[in-house]
């Protein structure tokens, strides 16, 4: 990687509806809507904590301790109320590398890997907004490893880098889960000429930045990190062009996600033992109907 001038950070390259054909855009929307129908049936489980309280009631189970009141009170029964608590933030990490433009056959037709990922995140955000009225804090980030760098961009000569870009947050009133469907595989960098930069695969090289962001911004008791990728980290970082690979992803997971519930949705690859060693046992494959397994995993994290 060589130092390049005339660069600037911009969110514009992240959203690229003109890149995809009309059929891909239509299929992505269909995938989102199909997943939404599944997700909305599962999502309330994420707020059902194992915290319950018993209250006096005029109907329900007879409370023996209240029988002495039966002559002057009707509330000699009790019922159990399950408290609803939004004490968990869900963070989506989507691989924004060039290989995510590869295609896959789905139930709604041909899609790119990143189409599937954005459909998942958008469906989840829509279910949260329409069913739970936004009770679960949701954040969606794109992971990028720009092919270029330079002092005009960062003000330093620190070399290659990994970039974490937030493309959705449920904390804003104007949060737009439909816009997520337009996210592509560009880095958030624009050239002076107006052209965009692509991306290598940085995977968990972004975790130090994510950890700092979580510490500063997440106010809930718990946080779940949901990683969506086709795997195989491949990028160069720093002034020495350190070759960041899959073993580094494993090391970063063990260091920065220790104690944080996390799972990975793997696109375009089977869940072999090597990938489970890298990403952990909580790995799902997109070739399967993963919606039920996804919510079972989330419910397990919350219990």
C-alpha atoms as a PDB file:
ATOM      1  CA  UNK A   1       0.000   0.000   0.000  1.00  0.00           C
ATOM      2  CA  UNK A   2       1.385   3.364  -0.936  1.00  0.00           C
ATOM      3  CA  UNK A   3       0.615   6.762   0.477  1.00  0.00           C
ATOM      4  CA  UNK A   4      -1.926   8.589  -1.640  1.00  0.00           C
ATOM      5  CA  UNK A   5      -2.996  12.228  -1.664  1.00  0.00           C
ATOM      6  CA  UNK A   6      -6.382  13.724  -2.379  1.00  0.00           C
ATOM      7  CA  UNK A   7      -8.367  11.404  -0.086  1.00  0.00           C
ATOM      8  CA  UNK A   8     -11.203  12.175   2.308  1.00  0.00           C
ATOM      9  CA  UNK A   9     -13.526  10.246   4.614  1.00  0.00           C
ATOM     10  CA  UNK A  10     -17.136  10.216   3.428  1.00  0.00           C
ATOM     11  CA  UNK A  11     -20.267   8.184   4.121  1.00  0.00           C
ATOM     12  CA  UNK A  12     -21.351   8.464   0.497  1.00  0.00           C
ATOM     13  CA  UNK A  13     -19.361   5.429  -0.748  1.00  0.00           C
ATOM     14  CA  UNK A  14     -20.992   3.208   1.881  1.00  0.00           C
ATOM     15  CA  UNK A  15     -24.427   3.532   0.273  1.00  0.00           C
ATOM     16  CA  UNK A  16     -24.289   2.623  -3.394  1.00  0.00           C
ATOM     17  CA  UNK A  17     -27.726   1.783  -4.813  1.00  0.00           C
ATOM     18  CA  UNK A  18     -26.512   2.420  -8.348  1.00  0.00           C
ATOM     19  CA  UNK A  19     -24.067  -0.469  -8.112  1.00  0.00           C
ATOM     20  CA  UNK A  20     -26.706  -3.148  -7.957  1.00  0.00           C
ATOM     21  CA  UNK A  21     -29.104  -4.187 -10.691  1.00  0.00           C
ATOM     22  CA  UNK A  22     -32.829  -3.746 -10.261  1.00  0.00           C
ATOM     23  CA  UNK A  23     -33.198  -7.500  -9.732  1.00  0.00           C
ATOM     24  CA  UNK A  24     -30.594  -7.538  -6.935  1.00  0.00           C
ATOM     25  CA  UNK A  25     -32.290  -4.592  -5.230  1.00  0.00           C
ATOM     26  CA  UNK A  26     -35.676  -6.296  -5.520  1.00  0.00           C
ATOM     27  CA  UNK A  27     -34.315  -9.597  -4.218  1.00  0.00           C
ATOM     28  CA  UNK A  28     -32.641  -7.861  -1.277  1.00  0.00           C
ATOM     29  CA  UNK A  29     -35.928  -6.250  -0.289  1.00  0.00           C
ATOM     30  CA  UNK A  30     -37.713  -9.593  -0.651  1.00  0.00           C
ATOM     31  CA  UNK A  31     -35.107 -11.278   1.554  1.00  0.00           C
ATOM     32  CA  UNK A  32     -35.492  -8.555   4.181  1.00  0.00           C
ATOM     33  CA  UNK A  33     -39.273  -8.922   4.190  1.00  0.00           C
ATOM     34  CA  UNK A  34     -39.074 -12.721   4.380  1.00  0.00           C
ATOM     35  CA  UNK A  35     -36.678 -12.530   7.333  1.00  0.00           C
ATOM     36  CA  UNK A  36     -38.800  -9.836   8.962  1.00  0.00           C
ATOM     37  CA  UNK A  37     -41.807 -12.167   9.034  1.00  0.00           C
ATOM     38  CA  UNK A  38     -39.671 -14.781  10.794  1.00  0.00           C
ATOM     39  CA  UNK A  39     -37.900 -12.369  13.119  1.00  0.00           C
ATOM     40  CA  UNK A  40     -41.023 -10.650  14.394  1.00  0.00           C
ATOM     41  CA  UNK A  41     -42.272 -14.009  15.701  1.00  0.00           C
ATOM     42  CA  UNK A  42     -39.067 -14.538  17.658  1.00  0.00           C
ATOM     43  CA  UNK A  43     -37.942 -11.109  18.761  1.00  0.00           C
ATOM     44  CA  UNK A  44     -40.053 -10.747  21.911  1.00  0.00           C
ATOM     45  CA  UNK A  45     -38.015 -13.586  23.404  1.00  0.00           C
ATOM     46  CA  UNK A  46     -35.057 -11.234  23.567  1.00  0.00           C
ATOM     47  CA  UNK A  47     -36.800  -9.062  26.146  1.00  0.00           C
ATOM     48  CA  UNK A  48     -38.158 -11.859  28.308  1.00  0.00           C
ATOM     49  CA  UNK A  49     -35.779 -11.991  31.227  1.00  0.00           C
ATOM     50  CA  UNK A  50     -35.832 -14.611  33.964  1.00  0.00           C
ATOM     51  CA  UNK A  51     -37.031 -11.927  36.319  1.00  0.00           C
ATOM     52  CA  UNK A  52     -40.613 -12.345  37.475  1.00  0.00           C
ATOM     53  CA  UNK A  53     -42.676 -10.935  40.278  1.00  0.00           C
ATOM     54  CA  UNK A  54     -45.884 -12.105  41.876  1.00  0.00           C
ATOM     55  CA  UNK A  55     -48.690  -9.629  42.486  1.00  0.00           C
ATOM     56  CA  UNK A  56     -52.066  -9.805  44.197  1.00  0.00           C
ATOM     57  CA  UNK A  57     -54.995 -10.272  41.824  1.00  0.00           C
ATOM     58  CA  UNK A  58     -58.712 -10.932  41.682  1.00  0.00           C
ATOM     59  CA  UNK A  59     -58.059 -13.999  39.565  1.00  0.00           C
ATOM     60  CA  UNK A  60     -55.249 -16.443  39.058  1.00  0.00           C
ATOM     61  CA  UNK A  61     -53.810 -18.940  41.516  1.00  0.00           C
ATOM     62  CA  UNK A  62     -55.204 -18.930  45.037  1.00  0.00           C
ATOM     63  CA  UNK A  63     -52.706 -17.437  47.484  1.00  0.00           C
ATOM     64  CA  UNK A  64     -52.966 -19.343  50.798  1.00  0.00           C
ATOM     65  CA  UNK A  65     -51.312 -16.459  52.635  1.00  0.00           C
ATOM     66  CA  UNK A  66     -54.193 -14.162  51.645  1.00  0.00           C
ATOM     67  CA  UNK A  67     -57.084 -16.422  52.621  1.00  0.00           C
ATOM     68  CA  UNK A  68     -57.641 -14.506  55.857  1.00  0.00           C
ATOM     69  CA  UNK A  69     -58.726 -11.503  53.736  1.00  0.00           C
ATOM     70  CA  UNK A  70     -61.464 -13.292  51.810  1.00  0.00           C
ATOM     71  CA  UNK A  71     -64.329 -11.668  53.764  1.00  0.00           C
ATOM     72  CA  UNK A  72     -63.284  -8.095  52.946  1.00  0.00           C
ATOM     73  CA  UNK A  73     -60.978  -8.305  49.904  1.00  0.00           C
ATOM     74  CA  UNK A  74     -61.179  -9.808  46.438  1.00  0.00           C
ATOM     75  CA  UNK A  75     -57.467  -9.943  45.706  1.00  0.00           C
ATOM     76  CA  UNK A  76     -56.753 -13.246  47.427  1.00  0.00           C
ATOM     77  CA  UNK A  77     -55.281 -14.671  44.237  1.00  0.00           C
ATOM     78  CA  UNK A  78     -51.887 -14.036  42.694  1.00  0.00           C
ATOM     79  CA  UNK A  79     -50.450 -13.956  39.218  1.00  0.00           C
ATOM     80  CA  UNK A  80     -46.923 -13.922  37.911  1.00  0.00           C
ATOM     81  CA  UNK A  81     -45.768 -10.967  35.841  1.00  0.00           C
ATOM     82  CA  UNK A  82     -42.737 -11.289  33.606  1.00  0.00           C
ATOM     83  CA  UNK A  83     -40.934  -7.981  33.531  1.00  0.00           C
ATOM     84  CA  UNK A  84     -39.912  -6.515  30.206  1.00  0.00           C
ATOM     85  CA  UNK A  85     -36.478  -4.940  30.239  1.00  0.00           C
ATOM     86  CA  UNK A  86     -34.368  -3.507  27.431  1.00  0.00           C
ATOM     87  CA  UNK A  87     -31.059  -4.147  29.174  1.00  0.00           C
ATOM     88  CA  UNK A  88     -29.214  -5.522  26.124  1.00  0.00           C
ATOM     89  CA  UNK A  89     -27.683  -3.732  23.147  1.00  0.00           C
ATOM     90  CA  UNK A  90     -27.171  -5.743  19.944  1.00  0.00           C
ATOM     91  CA  UNK A  91     -24.228  -4.720  17.772  1.00  0.00           C
ATOM     92  CA  UNK A  92     -24.040  -5.956  14.182  1.00  0.00           C
ATOM     93  CA  UNK A  93     -20.593  -6.134  12.555  1.00  0.00           C
ATOM     94  CA  UNK A  94     -20.868  -6.565   8.775  1.00  0.00           C
ATOM     95  CA  UNK A  95     -17.890  -7.443   6.617  1.00  0.00           C
ATOM     96  CA  UNK A  96     -17.622  -4.746   3.943  1.00  0.00           C
ATOM     97  CA  UNK A  97     -14.765  -6.288   1.946  1.00  0.00           C
ATOM     98  CA  UNK A  98     -14.769  -6.782  -1.819  1.00  0.00           C
ATOM     99  CA  UNK A  99     -15.340 -10.541  -1.560  1.00  0.00           C
ATOM    100  CA  UNK A 100     -18.748  -9.827  -0.055  1.00  0.00           C
ATOM    101  CA  UNK A 101     -19.827  -8.923  -3.597  1.00  0.00           C
ATOM    102  CA  UNK A 102     -19.776 -12.635  -4.463  1.00  0.00           C
ATOM    103  CA  UNK A 103     -23.224 -14.055  -5.136  1.00  0.00           C
ATOM    104  CA  UNK A 104     -25.265 -16.769  -3.488  1.00  0.00           C
ATOM    105  CA  UNK A 105     -28.530 -18.471  -4.442  1.00  0.00           C
ATOM    106  CA  UNK A 106     -31.292 -17.881  -1.889  1.00  0.00           C
ATOM    107  CA  UNK A 107     -35.001 -18.564  -1.509  1.00  0.00           C
ATOM    108  CA  UNK A 108     -35.754 -15.203  -3.163  1.00  0.00           C
ATOM    109  CA  UNK A 109     -33.178 -15.460  -5.956  1.00  0.00           C
ATOM    110  CA  UNK A 110     -29.553 -14.493  -6.444  1.00  0.00           C
ATOM    111  CA  UNK A 111     -27.999 -12.100  -3.899  1.00  0.00           C
ATOM    112  CA  UNK A 112     -24.541 -10.921  -2.991  1.00  0.00           C
ATOM    113  CA  UNK A 113     -23.191 -11.843   0.424  1.00  0.00           C
ATOM    114  CA  UNK A 114     -23.486  -8.296   1.642  1.00  0.00           C
ATOM    115  CA  UNK A 115     -27.085  -8.182   0.352  1.00  0.00           C
ATOM    116  CA  UNK A 116     -27.867 -11.073   2.694  1.00  0.00           C
ATOM    117  CA  UNK A 117     -26.106  -9.382   5.611  1.00  0.00           C
ATOM    118  CA  UNK A 118     -27.871  -6.057   5.171  1.00  0.00           C
ATOM    119  CA  UNK A 119     -31.206  -7.878   4.759  1.00  0.00           C
ATOM    120  CA  UNK A 120     -30.612  -9.631   8.106  1.00  0.00           C
ATOM    121  CA  UNK A 121     -29.711  -6.390   9.899  1.00  0.00           C
ATOM    122  CA  UNK A 122     -32.582  -4.471   8.297  1.00  0.00           C
ATOM    123  CA  UNK A 123     -35.123  -7.199   9.138  1.00  0.00           C
ATOM    124  CA  UNK A 124     -33.946  -7.262  12.732  1.00  0.00           C
ATOM    125  CA  UNK A 125     -34.136  -3.478  13.004  1.00  0.00           C
ATOM    126  CA  UNK A 126     -37.595  -3.421  11.423  1.00  0.00           C
ATOM    127  CA  UNK A 127     -38.913  -6.134  13.765  1.00  0.00           C
ATOM    128  CA  UNK A 128     -37.517  -4.232  16.722  1.00  0.00           C
ATOM    129  CA  UNK A 129     -39.154  -0.984  15.549  1.00  0.00           C
ATOM    130  CA  UNK A 130     -42.569  -2.385  14.640  1.00  0.00           C
ATOM    131  CA  UNK A 131     -43.040  -5.123  17.226  1.00  0.00           C
ATOM    132  CA  UNK A 132     -41.123  -3.786  20.222  1.00  0.00           C
ATOM    133  CA  UNK A 133     -41.329  -0.073  19.416  1.00  0.00           C
ATOM    134  CA  UNK A 134     -37.544   0.174  19.426  1.00  0.00           C
ATOM    135  CA  UNK A 135     -37.027  -1.212  22.928  1.00  0.00           C
ATOM    136  CA  UNK A 136     -33.806  -3.022  22.011  1.00  0.00           C
ATOM    137  CA  UNK A 137     -30.883  -0.681  21.269  1.00  0.00           C
ATOM    138  CA  UNK A 138     -29.437  -1.773  17.910  1.00  0.00           C
ATOM    139  CA  UNK A 139     -26.230  -0.583  16.263  1.00  0.00           C
ATOM    140  CA  UNK A 140     -24.943  -1.662  12.836  1.00  0.00           C
ATOM    141  CA  UNK A 141     -21.321  -1.210  11.750  1.00  0.00           C
ATOM    142  CA  UNK A 142     -19.424  -1.961   8.540  1.00  0.00           C
ATOM    143  CA  UNK A 143     -15.841  -3.267   8.787  1.00  0.00           C
ATOM    144  CA  UNK A 144     -13.458  -1.987   6.124  1.00  0.00           C
ATOM    145  CA  UNK A 145      -9.749  -2.167   5.341  1.00  0.00           C
ATOM    146  CA  UNK A 146      -9.098   0.567   2.757  1.00  0.00           C
ATOM    147  CA  UNK A 147      -6.615  -0.148   0.005  1.00  0.00           C
ATOM    148  CA  UNK A 148      -5.197   3.381   0.326  1.00  0.00           C
ATOM    149  CA  UNK A 149      -3.981   5.678   3.092  1.00  0.00           C
ATOM    150  CA  UNK A 150      -2.120   8.929   3.453  1.00  0.00           C
ATOM    151  CA  UNK A 151      -1.475  12.021   5.535  1.00  0.00           C
ATOM    152  CA  UNK A 152      -4.178  13.917   3.635  1.00  0.00           C
ATOM    153  CA  UNK A 153      -6.679  11.396   4.972  1.00  0.00           C
ATOM    154  CA  UNK A 154      -5.603  10.820   8.578  1.00  0.00           C
ATOM    155  CA  UNK A 155      -3.011  13.490   9.271  1.00  0.00           C
ATOM    156  CA  UNK A 156      -0.490  10.784  10.137  1.00  0.00           C
ATOM    157  CA  UNK A 157       1.923   8.396   8.453  1.00  0.00           C
ATOM    158  CA  UNK A 158       0.649   5.402  10.409  1.00  0.00           C
ATOM    159  CA  UNK A 159       0.049   3.341   7.291  1.00  0.00           C
ATOM    160  CA  UNK A 160      -2.742   0.886   6.528  1.00  0.00           C
ATOM    161  CA  UNK A 161      -5.731   0.805   8.833  1.00  0.00           C
ATOM    162  CA  UNK A 162      -9.020  -0.855   9.676  1.00  0.00           C
ATOM    163  CA  UNK A 163     -12.120   1.353   9.660  1.00  0.00           C
ATOM    164  CA  UNK A 164     -15.336   0.907  11.629  1.00  0.00           C
ATOM    165  CA  UNK A 165     -18.304   2.803  10.162  1.00  0.00           C
ATOM    166  CA  UNK A 166     -21.689   3.051  11.850  1.00  0.00           C
ATOM    167  CA  UNK A 167     -24.446   2.756   9.240  1.00  0.00           C
ATOM    168  CA  UNK A 168     -27.480   2.410  11.515  1.00  0.00           C
ATOM    169  CA  UNK A 169     -28.531   3.223  15.058  1.00  0.00           C
ATOM    170  CA  UNK A 170     -31.932   2.727  16.639  1.00  0.00           C
ATOM    171  CA  UNK A 171     -31.243   5.635  19.000  1.00  0.00           C
ATOM    172  CA  UNK A 172     -32.248   8.258  16.421  1.00  0.00           C
ATOM    173  CA  UNK A 173     -35.833   9.127  15.638  1.00  0.00           C
ATOM    174  CA  UNK A 174     -35.122   9.110  11.918  1.00  0.00           C
ATOM    175  CA  UNK A 175     -33.448   5.679  11.970  1.00  0.00           C
ATOM    176  CA  UNK A 176     -33.928   4.179   8.528  1.00  0.00           C
ATOM    177  CA  UNK A 177     -33.719   0.401   8.329  1.00  0.00           C
ATOM    178  CA  UNK A 178     -34.545   0.539   4.605  1.00  0.00           C
ATOM    179  CA  UNK A 179     -31.355   2.486   3.944  1.00  0.00           C
ATOM    180  CA  UNK A 180     -29.350  -0.438   5.287  1.00  0.00           C
ATOM    181  CA  UNK A 181     -30.328  -2.375   2.166  1.00  0.00           C
ATOM    182  CA  UNK A 182     -28.221   0.022   0.065  1.00  0.00           C
ATOM    183  CA  UNK A 183     -24.942  -0.610   1.904  1.00  0.00           C
ATOM    184  CA  UNK A 184     -22.211  -1.923  -0.393  1.00  0.00           C
ATOM    185  CA  UNK A 185     -18.573  -2.975  -0.282  1.00  0.00           C
ATOM    186  CA  UNK A 186     -16.751   0.344  -0.520  1.00  0.00           C
ATOM    187  CA  UNK A 187     -14.558   1.853   2.159  1.00  0.00           C
ATOM    188  CA  UNK A 188     -15.847   5.189   3.525  1.00  0.00           C
ATOM    189  CA  UNK A 189     -13.166   6.968   1.492  1.00  0.00           C
ATOM    190  CA  UNK A 190     -13.572   9.131  -1.580  1.00  0.00           C
ATOM    191  CA  UNK A 191     -10.876  10.308  -3.990  1.00  0.00           C
ATOM    192  CA  UNK A 192     -10.511  13.885  -5.139  1.00  0.00           C
ATOM    193  CA  UNK A 193     -11.812  12.731  -8.525  1.00  0.00           C
ATOM    194  CA  UNK A 194     -15.027  11.504  -6.842  1.00  0.00           C
ATOM    195  CA  UNK A 195     -14.289   7.797  -7.257  1.00  0.00           C
ATOM    196  CA  UNK A 196     -14.479   5.346  -4.340  1.00  0.00           C
ATOM    197  CA  UNK A 197     -12.043   2.969  -2.680  1.00  0.00           C
ATOM    198  CA  UNK A 198     -12.605  -0.744  -2.181  1.00  0.00           C
ATOM    199  CA  UNK A 199     -11.806  -2.811   0.885  1.00  0.00           C
ATOM    200  CA  UNK A 200      -9.758  -5.767   2.029  1.00  0.00           C
ATOM    201  CA  UNK A 201     -11.035  -8.042   4.812  1.00  0.00           C
ATOM    202  CA  UNK A 202     -10.050  -6.712   8.232  1.00  0.00           C
ATOM    203  CA  UNK A 203     -12.423  -8.856  10.316  1.00  0.00           C
ATOM    204  CA  UNK A 204     -11.687  -8.428  14.059  1.00  0.00           C
ATOM    205  CA  UNK A 205      -8.914  -5.879  13.537  1.00  0.00           C
ATOM    206  CA  UNK A 206     -11.675  -3.364  14.355  1.00  0.00           C
ATOM    207  CA  UNK A 207     -12.325  -4.757  17.853  1.00  0.00           C
ATOM    208  CA  UNK A 208     -10.058  -2.312  19.742  1.00  0.00           C
ATOM    209  CA  UNK A 209     -12.071   0.561  18.248  1.00  0.00           C
ATOM    210  CA  UNK A 210     -15.362  -1.227  18.935  1.00  0.00           C
ATOM    211  CA  UNK A 211     -14.382  -1.865  22.545  1.00  0.00           C
ATOM    212  CA  UNK A 212     -13.728   1.844  23.078  1.00  0.00           C
ATOM    213  CA  UNK A 213     -17.012   2.742  21.404  1.00  0.00           C
ATOM    214  CA  UNK A 214     -18.975   0.284  23.547  1.00  0.00           C
ATOM    215  CA  UNK A 215     -17.362   1.570  26.752  1.00  0.00           C
ATOM    216  CA  UNK A 216     -18.317   5.124  25.870  1.00  0.00           C
ATOM    217  CA  UNK A 217     -21.745   4.677  24.289  1.00  0.00           C
ATOM    218  CA  UNK A 218     -23.489   1.490  25.427  1.00  0.00           C
ATOM    219  CA  UNK A 219     -25.605   2.163  28.507  1.00  0.00           C
ATOM    220  CA  UNK A 220     -27.286  -1.225  28.868  1.00  0.00           C
ATOM    221  CA  UNK A 221     -26.119  -3.947  31.231  1.00  0.00           C
ATOM    222  CA  UNK A 222     -25.394  -6.372  28.406  1.00  0.00           C
ATOM    223  CA  UNK A 223     -24.107  -6.215  24.846  1.00  0.00           C
ATOM    224  CA  UNK A 224     -24.244  -8.890  22.141  1.00  0.00           C
ATOM    225  CA  UNK A 225     -21.895  -8.728  19.146  1.00  0.00           C
ATOM    226  CA  UNK A 226     -23.292 -10.330  15.986  1.00  0.00           C
ATOM    227  CA  UNK A 227     -20.636 -10.745  13.283  1.00  0.00           C
ATOM    228  CA  UNK A 228     -21.644 -11.314   9.624  1.00  0.00           C
ATOM    229  CA  UNK A 229     -18.868 -12.297   7.219  1.00  0.00           C
ATOM    230  CA  UNK A 230     -17.517 -14.673   4.597  1.00  0.00           C
ATOM    231  CA  UNK A 231     -14.418 -15.124   6.766  1.00  0.00           C
ATOM    232  CA  UNK A 232     -10.688 -15.245   6.010  1.00  0.00           C
ATOM    233  CA  UNK A 233      -9.118 -11.988   7.179  1.00  0.00           C
ATOM    234  CA  UNK A 234      -6.723 -10.476   4.660  1.00  0.00           C
ATOM    235  CA  UNK A 235      -5.310  -6.967   5.034  1.00  0.00           C
ATOM    236  CA  UNK A 236      -2.127  -5.020   5.763  1.00  0.00           C
ATOM    237  CA  UNK A 237      -1.952  -2.736   8.784  1.00  0.00           C
ATOM    238  CA  UNK A 238       0.433  -0.093  10.106  1.00  0.00           C
ATOM    239  CA  UNK A 239       3.683   1.323   8.803  1.00  0.00           C
ATOM    240  CA  UNK A 240       5.221  -2.160   8.648  1.00  0.00           C
ATOM    241  CA  UNK A 241       2.357  -3.521   6.531  1.00  0.00           C
ATOM    242  CA  UNK A 242       1.620  -6.189   9.130  1.00  0.00           C
ATOM    243  CA  UNK A 243      -0.227  -9.042   7.451  1.00  0.00           C
ATOM    244  CA  UNK A 244      -3.434  -9.472   9.458  1.00  0.00           C
ATOM    245  CA  UNK A 245      -4.843 -12.959   8.903  1.00  0.00           C
ATOM    246  CA  UNK A 246      -7.403 -15.356  10.379  1.00  0.00           C
ATOM    247  CA  UNK A 247      -5.206 -16.400  13.312  1.00  0.00           C
ATOM    248  CA  UNK A 248      -5.074 -12.720  14.277  1.00  0.00           C
ATOM    249  CA  UNK A 249      -8.870 -12.618  14.158  1.00  0.00           C
ATOM    250  CA  UNK A 250      -8.942 -15.503  16.635  1.00  0.00           C
ATOM    251  CA  UNK A 251      -6.472 -13.716  18.918  1.00  0.00           C
ATOM    252  CA  UNK A 252      -8.506 -10.491  18.800  1.00  0.00           C
ATOM    253  CA  UNK A 253     -11.725 -12.388  19.563  1.00  0.00           C
ATOM    254  CA  UNK A 254     -10.190 -14.030  22.600  1.00  0.00           C
ATOM    255  CA  UNK A 255      -8.808 -10.731  23.863  1.00  0.00           C
ATOM    256  CA  UNK A 256     -11.581  -8.246  23.125  1.00  0.00           C
ATOM    257  CA  UNK A 257     -14.746 -10.362  23.152  1.00  0.00           C
ATOM    258  CA  UNK A 258     -13.956 -12.270  26.320  1.00  0.00           C
ATOM    259  CA  UNK A 259     -17.018 -11.898  28.516  1.00  0.00           C
ATOM    260  CA  UNK A 260     -19.094 -10.414  25.669  1.00  0.00           C
ATOM    261  CA  UNK A 261     -21.686 -12.775  24.131  1.00  0.00           C
ATOM    262  CA  UNK A 262     -20.970 -13.062  20.418  1.00  0.00           C
ATOM    263  CA  UNK A 263     -21.858 -15.160  17.409  1.00  0.00           C
ATOM    264  CA  UNK A 264     -21.002 -15.215  13.720  1.00  0.00           C
ATOM    265  CA  UNK A 265     -23.141 -15.760  10.628  1.00  0.00           C
ATOM    266  CA  UNK A 266     -20.880 -17.286   7.970  1.00  0.00           C
ATOM    267  CA  UNK A 267     -21.663 -16.614   4.307  1.00  0.00           C
ATOM    268  CA  UNK A 268     -20.548 -18.865   1.466  1.00  0.00           C
ATOM    269  CA  UNK A 269     -18.704 -21.420   3.576  1.00  0.00           C
ATOM    270  CA  UNK A 270     -19.455 -24.454   5.674  1.00  0.00           C
ATOM    271  CA  UNK A 271     -18.980 -24.294   9.414  1.00  0.00           C
ATOM    272  CA  UNK A 272     -15.873 -26.466   9.574  1.00  0.00           C
ATOM    273  CA  UNK A 273     -13.787 -26.931  12.714  1.00  0.00           C
ATOM    274  CA  UNK A 274     -11.145 -24.470  11.557  1.00  0.00           C
ATOM    275  CA  UNK A 275     -13.643 -21.617  11.259  1.00  0.00           C
ATOM    276  CA  UNK A 276     -15.221 -22.519  14.591  1.00  0.00           C
ATOM    277  CA  UNK A 277     -11.756 -22.325  16.114  1.00  0.00           C
ATOM    278  CA  UNK A 278     -11.391 -18.811  14.712  1.00  0.00           C
ATOM    279  CA  UNK A 279     -14.870 -17.435  15.420  1.00  0.00           C
ATOM    280  CA  UNK A 280     -15.995 -19.615  18.325  1.00  0.00           C
ATOM    281  CA  UNK A 281     -18.619 -22.311  18.721  1.00  0.00           C
ATOM    282  CA  UNK A 282     -21.485 -19.839  18.244  1.00  0.00           C
ATOM    283  CA  UNK A 283     -21.288 -19.875  14.453  1.00  0.00           C
ATOM    284  CA  UNK A 284     -24.232 -20.226  12.067  1.00  0.00           C
ATOM    285  CA  UNK A 285     -24.150 -20.852   8.319  1.00  0.00           C
ATOM    286  CA  UNK A 286     -26.309 -18.816   5.960  1.00  0.00           C
ATOM    287  CA  UNK A 287     -27.061 -21.846   3.777  1.00  0.00           C
ATOM    288  CA  UNK A 288     -29.306 -23.120   6.546  1.00  0.00           C
ATOM    289  CA  UNK A 289     -32.565 -21.629   7.834  1.00  0.00           C
ATOM    290  CA  UNK A 290     -30.700 -19.812  10.567  1.00  0.00           C
ATOM    291  CA  UNK A 291     -33.471 -17.560  11.936  1.00  0.00           C
ATOM    292  CA  UNK A 292     -34.614 -19.922  14.678  1.00  0.00           C
ATOM    293  CA  UNK A 293     -31.064 -20.839  15.672  1.00  0.00           C
ATOM    294  CA  UNK A 294     -30.144 -17.159  15.776  1.00  0.00           C
ATOM    295  CA  UNK A 295     -32.847 -16.267  18.262  1.00  0.00           C
ATOM    296  CA  UNK A 296     -32.215 -19.361  20.351  1.00  0.00           C
ATOM    297  CA  UNK A 297     -28.611 -18.231  20.659  1.00  0.00           C
ATOM    298  CA  UNK A 298     -29.665 -14.707  21.620  1.00  0.00           C
ATOM    299  CA  UNK A 299     -32.173 -16.036  24.164  1.00  0.00           C
ATOM    300  CA  UNK A 300     -29.421 -18.209  25.645  1.00  0.00           C
ATOM    301  CA  UNK A 301     -27.164 -15.168  26.007  1.00  0.00           C
ATOM    302  CA  UNK A 302     -29.921 -13.306  27.842  1.00  0.00           C
ATOM    303  CA  UNK A 303     -30.882 -16.077  30.248  1.00  0.00           C
END
